[in-house]
């Protein structure tokens, strides 16, 4: 079944290259970005300014192809793709929870953004603690390594032109 999405805006960040950028929002806590919504979607921002954080759903527009096993940034062992947040996926869709700084017309200013400049935005949803936080959670193989997400940076392994190791 074929599904088509259209971008509702564009995410702008200081990151123009994959290599060296944060691998998760936790590693980009102070990084500022701006989302520029297409004019026809601006009215949809009404009432969003009351939320401290938002969920961004976006298209990994520079991601081509995928493998069902990958060596993720936070491990040296090949893992099943769906047990990772690797960007090269059958459907290259990303998700980030970021701090909402302010809204000015169709421009949404955020902090804690970890995506490439020019990334197409598919949707915005409010982050709601009661809905989105779970108790007694497990992070599988990431239980021992997730704290490293603040310091590890992206490297060549998910760049199309370089083979994964």
N, C-alpha and C. Protein backbone atom coordinates (compact mmCIF):
# COMPACT_ATOMS: atom_id res chain seq x y z
N UNK A 1 0.84 -1.17 0.00
CA UNK A 1 0.00 0.00 0.00
C UNK A 1 0.89 1.24 0.00
N UNK A 2 0.61 2.15 -0.88
CA UNK A 2 1.37 3.39 -0.99
C UNK A 2 0.70 4.48 -0.16
N UNK A 3 1.48 5.21 0.61
CA UNK A 3 0.98 6.32 1.41
C UNK A 3 1.81 7.55 1.07
N UNK A 4 1.14 8.68 0.95
CA UNK A 4 1.85 9.91 0.61
C UNK A 4 1.58 10.96 1.69
N UNK A 5 2.64 11.66 2.10
CA UNK A 5 2.53 12.76 3.04
C UNK A 5 3.05 14.02 2.38
N UNK A 6 2.54 15.15 2.82
CA UNK A 6 3.04 16.44 2.36
C UNK A 6 3.59 17.19 3.55
N UNK A 7 4.71 17.85 3.37
CA UNK A 7 5.30 18.64 4.45
C UNK A 7 4.39 19.82 4.78
N UNK A 8 4.28 20.12 6.07
CA UNK A 8 3.51 21.29 6.51
C UNK A 8 4.44 22.46 6.79
N UNK A 9 5.73 22.22 6.75
CA UNK A 9 6.71 23.27 7.00
C UNK A 9 8.11 22.71 6.89
N UNK A 10 9.07 23.56 7.25
CA UNK A 10 10.48 23.19 7.18
C UNK A 10 11.15 23.52 8.50
N UNK A 11 11.99 22.61 8.98
CA UNK A 11 12.74 22.81 10.22
C UNK A 11 14.11 23.38 9.87
N UNK A 12 14.46 24.48 10.51
CA UNK A 12 15.77 25.11 10.30
C UNK A 12 16.60 24.99 11.57
N UNK A 13 17.82 24.50 11.40
CA UNK A 13 18.74 24.30 12.52
C UNK A 13 20.14 24.71 12.08
N UNK A 14 21.10 24.74 13.01
CA UNK A 14 22.48 25.03 12.62
C UNK A 14 23.20 23.85 11.96
N UNK A 15 22.55 22.69 11.86
CA UNK A 15 23.22 21.49 11.36
C UNK A 15 23.03 21.32 9.86
N UNK A 16 24.11 21.48 9.12
CA UNK A 16 24.05 21.33 7.67
C UNK A 16 24.65 20.00 7.20
N UNK A 17 25.30 19.29 8.10
CA UNK A 17 25.92 17.99 7.78
C UNK A 17 25.49 16.96 8.81
N UNK A 18 25.36 15.73 8.38
CA UNK A 18 25.00 14.66 9.31
C UNK A 18 26.12 14.38 10.31
N UNK A 19 27.34 14.34 9.82
CA UNK A 19 28.45 14.01 10.70
C UNK A 19 28.69 15.12 11.71
N UNK A 20 28.78 14.71 12.97
CA UNK A 20 29.08 15.66 14.04
C UNK A 20 27.87 16.26 14.73
N UNK A 21 26.67 15.98 14.26
CA UNK A 21 25.49 16.54 14.91
C UNK A 21 25.03 15.62 16.05
N UNK A 22 24.25 16.14 17.00
CA UNK A 22 23.76 15.30 18.09
C UNK A 22 22.90 14.15 17.55
N UNK A 23 22.90 13.04 18.27
CA UNK A 23 22.13 11.88 17.82
C UNK A 23 20.73 11.83 18.41
N UNK A 24 20.46 12.63 19.43
CA UNK A 24 19.15 12.69 20.07
C UNK A 24 18.97 14.10 20.63
N UNK A 25 17.71 14.53 20.89
CA UNK A 25 17.49 15.85 21.48
C UNK A 25 18.24 16.05 22.81
N UNK A 26 18.47 14.98 23.56
CA UNK A 26 19.20 15.12 24.83
C UNK A 26 20.61 15.64 24.62
N UNK A 27 21.18 15.43 23.45
CA UNK A 27 22.51 15.93 23.13
C UNK A 27 22.49 17.29 22.49
N UNK A 28 21.31 17.86 22.34
CA UNK A 28 21.14 19.17 21.69
C UNK A 28 20.33 20.10 22.58
N UNK A 29 20.47 19.96 23.88
CA UNK A 29 19.61 20.67 24.83
C UNK A 29 19.54 22.17 24.62
N UNK A 30 20.63 22.80 24.25
CA UNK A 30 20.64 24.26 24.07
C UNK A 30 20.59 24.70 22.61
N UNK A 31 20.49 23.76 21.70
CA UNK A 31 20.47 24.08 20.28
C UNK A 31 19.10 24.66 19.90
N UNK A 32 19.15 25.84 19.29
CA UNK A 32 17.91 26.51 18.88
C UNK A 32 17.62 26.26 17.41
N UNK A 33 16.35 26.19 17.11
CA UNK A 33 15.91 26.01 15.74
C UNK A 33 14.60 26.75 15.51
N UNK A 34 14.23 26.86 14.26
CA UNK A 34 12.98 27.51 13.89
C UNK A 34 12.26 26.65 12.88
N UNK A 35 10.99 26.49 13.11
CA UNK A 35 10.12 25.79 12.16
C UNK A 35 9.34 26.87 11.43
N UNK A 36 9.38 26.83 10.12
CA UNK A 36 8.58 27.76 9.32
C UNK A 36 7.45 26.96 8.69
N UNK A 37 6.26 27.19 9.19
CA UNK A 37 5.09 26.50 8.67
C UNK A 37 4.65 27.11 7.36
N UNK A 38 4.09 26.30 6.49
CA UNK A 38 3.46 26.81 5.28
C UNK A 38 2.28 27.68 5.72
N UNK A 39 2.04 28.80 5.04
CA UNK A 39 1.02 29.76 5.49
C UNK A 39 -0.36 29.15 5.75
N UNK A 40 -0.76 28.18 4.96
CA UNK A 40 -2.10 27.61 5.13
C UNK A 40 -2.28 26.83 6.43
N UNK A 41 -1.17 26.55 7.15
CA UNK A 41 -1.25 25.80 8.40
C UNK A 41 -1.09 26.67 9.64
N UNK A 42 -0.85 27.96 9.47
CA UNK A 42 -0.58 28.84 10.61
C UNK A 42 -1.71 28.83 11.63
N UNK A 43 -2.94 28.81 11.21
CA UNK A 43 -4.07 28.82 12.15
C UNK A 43 -4.03 27.62 13.08
N UNK A 44 -3.44 26.53 12.64
CA UNK A 44 -3.33 25.33 13.46
C UNK A 44 -2.42 25.50 14.66
N UNK A 45 -1.65 26.59 14.70
CA UNK A 45 -0.76 26.85 15.85
C UNK A 45 -1.51 27.49 17.02
N UNK A 46 -2.75 27.90 16.79
CA UNK A 46 -3.53 28.54 17.86
C UNK A 46 -3.58 27.63 19.07
N UNK A 47 -3.33 28.18 20.24
CA UNK A 47 -3.36 27.51 21.54
C UNK A 47 -2.14 26.64 21.83
N UNK A 48 -1.24 26.48 20.88
CA UNK A 48 -0.05 25.67 21.11
C UNK A 48 0.92 26.35 22.07
N UNK A 49 0.88 27.68 22.14
CA UNK A 49 1.85 28.41 22.97
C UNK A 49 1.70 28.13 24.46
N UNK A 50 0.65 27.47 24.90
CA UNK A 50 0.49 27.11 26.31
C UNK A 50 1.26 25.86 26.71
N UNK A 51 1.88 25.19 25.73
CA UNK A 51 2.62 23.96 26.01
C UNK A 51 4.11 24.26 26.11
N UNK A 52 4.79 23.59 27.02
CA UNK A 52 6.24 23.80 27.16
C UNK A 52 7.03 23.00 26.14
N UNK A 53 6.50 21.87 25.70
CA UNK A 53 7.21 20.99 24.78
C UNK A 53 6.26 20.50 23.70
N UNK A 54 6.84 20.23 22.53
CA UNK A 54 6.05 19.71 21.42
C UNK A 54 6.77 18.52 20.79
N UNK A 55 5.99 17.70 20.13
CA UNK A 55 6.52 16.54 19.42
C UNK A 55 6.56 16.90 17.94
N UNK A 56 7.72 16.77 17.34
CA UNK A 56 7.88 17.02 15.91
C UNK A 56 7.99 15.68 15.20
N UNK A 57 7.22 15.52 14.15
CA UNK A 57 7.30 14.34 13.31
C UNK A 57 7.78 14.83 11.95
N UNK A 58 8.85 14.24 11.45
CA UNK A 58 9.48 14.78 10.26
C UNK A 58 10.00 13.67 9.36
N UNK A 59 10.36 14.08 8.16
CA UNK A 59 10.87 13.17 7.14
C UNK A 59 12.39 13.25 7.11
N UNK A 60 13.05 12.11 7.27
CA UNK A 60 14.51 12.06 7.11
C UNK A 60 14.79 12.18 5.61
N UNK A 61 14.77 13.40 5.11
CA UNK A 61 14.81 13.66 3.68
C UNK A 61 16.11 13.28 3.00
N UNK A 62 17.17 13.09 3.74
CA UNK A 62 18.43 12.68 3.13
C UNK A 62 18.74 11.21 3.36
N UNK A 63 17.78 10.50 3.90
CA UNK A 63 17.95 9.08 4.17
C UNK A 63 17.55 8.28 2.94
N UNK A 64 18.43 7.41 2.51
CA UNK A 64 18.18 6.57 1.34
C UNK A 64 18.50 5.12 1.71
N UNK A 65 17.56 4.26 1.48
CA UNK A 65 17.78 2.85 1.74
C UNK A 65 17.79 2.54 3.23
N UNK A 66 17.90 1.26 3.53
CA UNK A 66 17.95 0.82 4.92
C UNK A 66 18.49 -0.59 4.98
N UNK A 67 18.86 -0.99 6.17
CA UNK A 67 19.25 -2.36 6.47
C UNK A 67 18.45 -2.77 7.70
N UNK A 68 18.10 -4.02 7.78
CA UNK A 68 17.30 -4.49 8.91
C UNK A 68 18.13 -4.75 10.16
N UNK A 69 19.45 -4.76 10.02
CA UNK A 69 20.33 -4.76 11.19
C UNK A 69 21.32 -3.62 11.00
N UNK A 70 21.57 -2.90 12.08
CA UNK A 70 22.48 -1.75 12.05
C UNK A 70 23.31 -1.73 13.32
N UNK A 71 24.46 -1.09 13.23
CA UNK A 71 25.26 -0.85 14.42
C UNK A 71 24.92 0.57 14.89
N UNK A 72 24.11 0.71 15.93
CA UNK A 72 23.67 2.04 16.36
C UNK A 72 24.80 2.84 17.00
N UNK A 73 24.57 4.14 17.12
CA UNK A 73 25.57 5.03 17.70
C UNK A 73 25.92 4.66 19.14
N UNK A 74 24.99 4.13 19.88
CA UNK A 74 25.22 3.87 21.30
C UNK A 74 25.64 2.44 21.61
N UNK A 75 26.09 1.71 20.61
CA UNK A 75 26.51 0.34 20.85
C UNK A 75 27.49 -0.09 19.76
N UNK A 76 28.23 -1.15 20.03
CA UNK A 76 29.15 -1.71 19.04
C UNK A 76 28.65 -3.03 18.48
N UNK A 77 27.41 -3.36 18.81
CA UNK A 77 26.80 -4.62 18.39
C UNK A 77 25.72 -4.32 17.37
N UNK A 78 25.64 -5.11 16.32
CA UNK A 78 24.56 -4.95 15.34
C UNK A 78 23.23 -5.28 16.01
N UNK A 79 22.25 -4.42 15.80
CA UNK A 79 20.93 -4.58 16.41
C UNK A 79 19.87 -4.56 15.32
N UNK A 80 18.71 -5.11 15.64
CA UNK A 80 17.59 -5.04 14.71
C UNK A 80 17.18 -3.58 14.53
N UNK A 81 16.94 -3.18 13.31
CA UNK A 81 16.60 -1.79 12.99
C UNK A 81 15.50 -1.24 13.88
N UNK A 82 14.45 -2.04 14.11
CA UNK A 82 13.30 -1.54 14.86
C UNK A 82 13.56 -1.45 16.36
N UNK A 83 14.73 -1.91 16.81
CA UNK A 83 15.15 -1.74 18.19
C UNK A 83 16.10 -0.56 18.32
N UNK A 84 16.18 0.27 17.27
CA UNK A 84 17.05 1.44 17.27
C UNK A 84 16.26 2.65 16.78
N UNK A 85 16.92 3.80 16.85
CA UNK A 85 16.35 5.02 16.28
C UNK A 85 17.16 5.47 15.06
N UNK A 86 17.77 4.53 14.40
CA UNK A 86 18.56 4.82 13.21
C UNK A 86 17.70 5.53 12.16
N UNK A 87 18.26 6.51 11.45
CA UNK A 87 17.47 7.28 10.49
C UNK A 87 17.18 6.58 9.17
N UNK A 88 17.97 5.60 8.79
CA UNK A 88 17.73 4.90 7.53
C UNK A 88 16.76 3.76 7.80
N UNK A 89 15.49 3.97 7.39
CA UNK A 89 14.39 3.08 7.73
C UNK A 89 13.52 2.84 6.50
N UNK A 90 12.68 1.80 6.52
CA UNK A 90 11.77 1.60 5.40
C UNK A 90 10.89 2.83 5.14
N UNK A 91 10.43 3.46 6.20
CA UNK A 91 9.71 4.73 6.12
C UNK A 91 10.53 5.73 6.93
N UNK A 92 11.31 6.58 6.28
CA UNK A 92 12.25 7.45 6.99
C UNK A 92 11.55 8.61 7.72
N UNK A 93 10.92 8.25 8.83
CA UNK A 93 10.19 9.22 9.64
C UNK A 93 10.92 9.37 10.97
N UNK A 94 11.12 10.62 11.39
CA UNK A 94 11.77 10.91 12.66
C UNK A 94 10.80 11.55 13.63
N UNK A 95 11.18 11.51 14.89
CA UNK A 95 10.37 12.06 15.97
C UNK A 95 11.31 12.70 16.98
N UNK A 96 11.00 13.92 17.38
CA UNK A 96 11.78 14.59 18.43
C UNK A 96 10.83 15.36 19.34
N UNK A 97 11.12 15.32 20.62
CA UNK A 97 10.40 16.15 21.59
C UNK A 97 11.31 17.32 21.90
N UNK A 98 10.81 18.54 21.65
CA UNK A 98 11.62 19.74 21.82
C UNK A 98 10.88 20.75 22.69
N UNK A 99 11.64 21.67 23.25
CA UNK A 99 11.05 22.75 24.04
C UNK A 99 10.50 23.82 23.10
N UNK A 100 9.28 24.25 23.37
CA UNK A 100 8.67 25.33 22.61
C UNK A 100 9.07 26.65 23.25
N UNK A 101 9.79 27.47 22.53
CA UNK A 101 10.26 28.76 23.06
C UNK A 101 9.23 29.85 22.82
N UNK A 102 8.79 30.00 21.57
CA UNK A 102 7.76 31.01 21.26
C UNK A 102 7.25 30.77 19.84
N UNK A 103 6.10 31.40 19.58
CA UNK A 103 5.49 31.33 18.25
C UNK A 103 5.31 32.75 17.76
N UNK A 104 5.79 33.00 16.54
CA UNK A 104 5.63 34.30 15.89
C UNK A 104 5.07 34.07 14.50
N UNK A 105 3.76 34.26 14.37
CA UNK A 105 3.12 33.99 13.09
C UNK A 105 3.30 32.53 12.72
N UNK A 106 3.82 32.24 11.52
CA UNK A 106 4.02 30.84 11.12
C UNK A 106 5.36 30.27 11.59
N UNK A 107 6.11 31.05 12.38
CA UNK A 107 7.43 30.62 12.85
C UNK A 107 7.35 30.10 14.27
N UNK A 108 7.80 28.88 14.45
CA UNK A 108 7.80 28.24 15.76
C UNK A 108 9.26 28.10 16.19
N UNK A 109 9.62 28.77 17.27
CA UNK A 109 11.00 28.74 17.78
C UNK A 109 11.11 27.66 18.85
N UNK A 110 12.11 26.80 18.70
CA UNK A 110 12.28 25.66 19.60
C UNK A 110 13.71 25.58 20.12
N UNK A 111 13.88 24.77 21.15
CA UNK A 111 15.21 24.50 21.71
C UNK A 111 15.30 22.99 21.96
N UNK A 112 16.50 22.46 21.74
CA UNK A 112 16.72 21.03 21.93
C UNK A 112 16.48 20.24 20.66
N UNK A 113 16.79 20.86 19.54
CA UNK A 113 16.51 20.26 18.23
C UNK A 113 17.75 19.53 17.69
N UNK A 114 17.55 18.36 17.15
CA UNK A 114 18.67 17.51 16.72
C UNK A 114 18.51 17.05 15.28
N UNK A 115 17.96 17.88 14.41
CA UNK A 115 17.74 17.46 13.02
C UNK A 115 18.52 18.36 12.06
N UNK A 116 18.65 17.88 10.84
CA UNK A 116 19.35 18.64 9.80
C UNK A 116 18.55 19.87 9.37
N UNK A 117 19.27 20.92 9.02
CA UNK A 117 18.64 22.10 8.45
C UNK A 117 17.91 21.73 7.17
N UNK A 118 16.71 22.24 7.01
CA UNK A 118 15.93 21.97 5.82
C UNK A 118 15.07 20.73 5.90
N UNK A 119 14.98 20.12 7.07
CA UNK A 119 14.18 18.90 7.23
C UNK A 119 12.69 19.20 7.07
N UNK A 120 12.00 18.44 6.23
CA UNK A 120 10.56 18.65 6.05
C UNK A 120 9.77 18.19 7.29
N UNK A 121 8.92 19.06 7.78
CA UNK A 121 8.08 18.76 8.94
C UNK A 121 6.76 18.17 8.47
N UNK A 122 6.38 17.04 9.07
CA UNK A 122 5.12 16.38 8.71
C UNK A 122 3.99 16.73 9.68
N UNK A 123 4.33 16.91 10.97
CA UNK A 123 3.28 17.19 11.95
C UNK A 123 3.89 17.73 13.24
N UNK A 124 3.05 18.42 14.01
CA UNK A 124 3.38 18.90 15.34
C UNK A 124 2.28 18.42 16.27
N UNK A 125 2.68 17.90 17.42
CA UNK A 125 1.71 17.50 18.43
C UNK A 125 2.18 18.03 19.77
N UNK A 126 1.27 18.39 20.66
CA UNK A 126 1.70 18.84 21.99
C UNK A 126 2.19 17.65 22.82
N UNK A 127 3.24 17.87 23.58
CA UNK A 127 3.71 16.86 24.51
C UNK A 127 2.93 17.06 25.81
N UNK A 128 2.29 16.01 26.28
CA UNK A 128 1.45 16.09 27.48
C UNK A 128 1.95 15.06 28.48
N UNK A 129 2.44 15.50 29.64
CA UNK A 129 3.04 14.55 30.59
C UNK A 129 2.14 13.37 30.94
N UNK A 130 0.89 13.62 31.20
CA UNK A 130 -0.01 12.53 31.58
C UNK A 130 -0.19 11.52 30.46
N UNK A 131 -0.16 11.99 29.22
CA UNK A 131 -0.33 11.10 28.07
C UNK A 131 0.96 10.39 27.71
N UNK A 132 2.09 11.08 27.82
CA UNK A 132 3.33 10.64 27.19
C UNK A 132 4.36 10.02 28.12
N UNK A 133 4.21 10.15 29.43
CA UNK A 133 5.17 9.57 30.36
C UNK A 133 4.62 8.25 30.88
N UNK A 134 5.46 7.27 30.90
CA UNK A 134 5.07 5.95 31.38
C UNK A 134 5.94 5.58 32.58
N UNK A 135 5.37 4.82 33.50
CA UNK A 135 6.12 4.33 34.66
C UNK A 135 6.58 2.91 34.40
N UNK A 136 7.57 2.48 35.15
CA UNK A 136 8.09 1.12 35.05
C UNK A 136 8.48 0.76 33.62
N UNK A 137 9.30 1.61 33.01
CA UNK A 137 9.70 1.40 31.63
C UNK A 137 11.05 0.70 31.54
N UNK A 138 11.28 0.07 30.41
CA UNK A 138 12.57 -0.55 30.11
C UNK A 138 13.04 0.00 28.79
N UNK A 139 14.33 0.10 28.61
CA UNK A 139 14.90 0.59 27.37
C UNK A 139 15.74 -0.48 26.69
N UNK A 140 15.43 -1.75 26.95
CA UNK A 140 16.11 -2.85 26.27
C UNK A 140 17.62 -2.72 26.33
N UNK A 141 18.28 -2.94 25.21
CA UNK A 141 19.74 -2.88 25.16
C UNK A 141 20.27 -1.49 25.48
N UNK A 142 19.41 -0.46 25.40
CA UNK A 142 19.85 0.90 25.70
C UNK A 142 19.89 1.22 27.20
N UNK A 143 19.36 0.33 28.04
CA UNK A 143 19.38 0.60 29.48
C UNK A 143 20.77 1.00 29.97
N UNK A 144 21.81 0.33 29.46
CA UNK A 144 23.16 0.62 29.94
C UNK A 144 23.82 1.79 29.22
N UNK A 145 23.34 2.18 28.05
CA UNK A 145 24.04 3.18 27.25
C UNK A 145 23.29 4.48 27.01
N UNK A 146 22.02 4.57 27.38
CA UNK A 146 21.25 5.74 26.99
C UNK A 146 21.78 7.04 27.57
N UNK A 147 22.46 7.00 28.69
CA UNK A 147 23.02 8.23 29.27
C UNK A 147 24.08 8.84 28.36
N UNK A 148 24.68 8.06 27.48
CA UNK A 148 25.70 8.55 26.57
C UNK A 148 25.13 9.35 25.40
N UNK A 149 23.81 9.40 25.26
CA UNK A 149 23.20 10.11 24.13
C UNK A 149 23.47 11.60 24.17
N UNK A 150 23.85 12.12 25.31
CA UNK A 150 24.15 13.56 25.41
C UNK A 150 25.51 13.91 24.84
N UNK A 151 26.41 12.94 24.77
CA UNK A 151 27.76 13.27 24.33
C UNK A 151 28.14 12.66 22.98
N UNK A 152 27.50 11.60 22.56
CA UNK A 152 27.83 10.96 21.28
C UNK A 152 27.31 11.81 20.13
N UNK A 153 28.11 11.95 19.10
CA UNK A 153 27.72 12.72 17.90
C UNK A 153 27.59 11.77 16.72
N UNK A 154 26.84 12.20 15.75
CA UNK A 154 26.64 11.42 14.53
C UNK A 154 27.96 11.26 13.79
N UNK A 155 28.11 10.13 13.14
CA UNK A 155 29.31 9.90 12.33
C UNK A 155 28.87 9.41 10.95
N UNK A 156 29.71 8.72 10.26
CA UNK A 156 29.45 8.31 8.88
C UNK A 156 28.47 7.16 8.72
N UNK A 157 28.13 6.44 9.78
CA UNK A 157 27.45 5.16 9.60
C UNK A 157 26.07 5.22 8.97
N UNK A 158 25.40 6.37 8.99
CA UNK A 158 24.09 6.45 8.35
C UNK A 158 24.08 7.42 7.17
N UNK A 159 25.25 7.73 6.67
CA UNK A 159 25.37 8.56 5.47
C UNK A 159 25.28 7.63 4.27
N UNK A 160 24.46 7.96 3.32
CA UNK A 160 24.18 7.08 2.18
C UNK A 160 25.42 6.61 1.45
N UNK A 161 26.37 7.50 1.24
CA UNK A 161 27.50 7.17 0.38
C UNK A 161 28.57 6.33 1.07
N UNK A 162 28.42 6.09 2.38
CA UNK A 162 29.43 5.30 3.09
C UNK A 162 28.80 4.02 3.63
N UNK A 163 29.43 2.90 3.49
CA UNK A 163 28.86 1.65 4.00
C UNK A 163 28.87 1.63 5.52
N UNK A 164 27.88 0.96 6.08
CA UNK A 164 27.85 0.79 7.53
C UNK A 164 28.91 -0.22 7.93
N UNK A 165 29.46 -0.02 9.09
CA UNK A 165 30.51 -0.94 9.56
C UNK A 165 29.90 -1.98 10.48
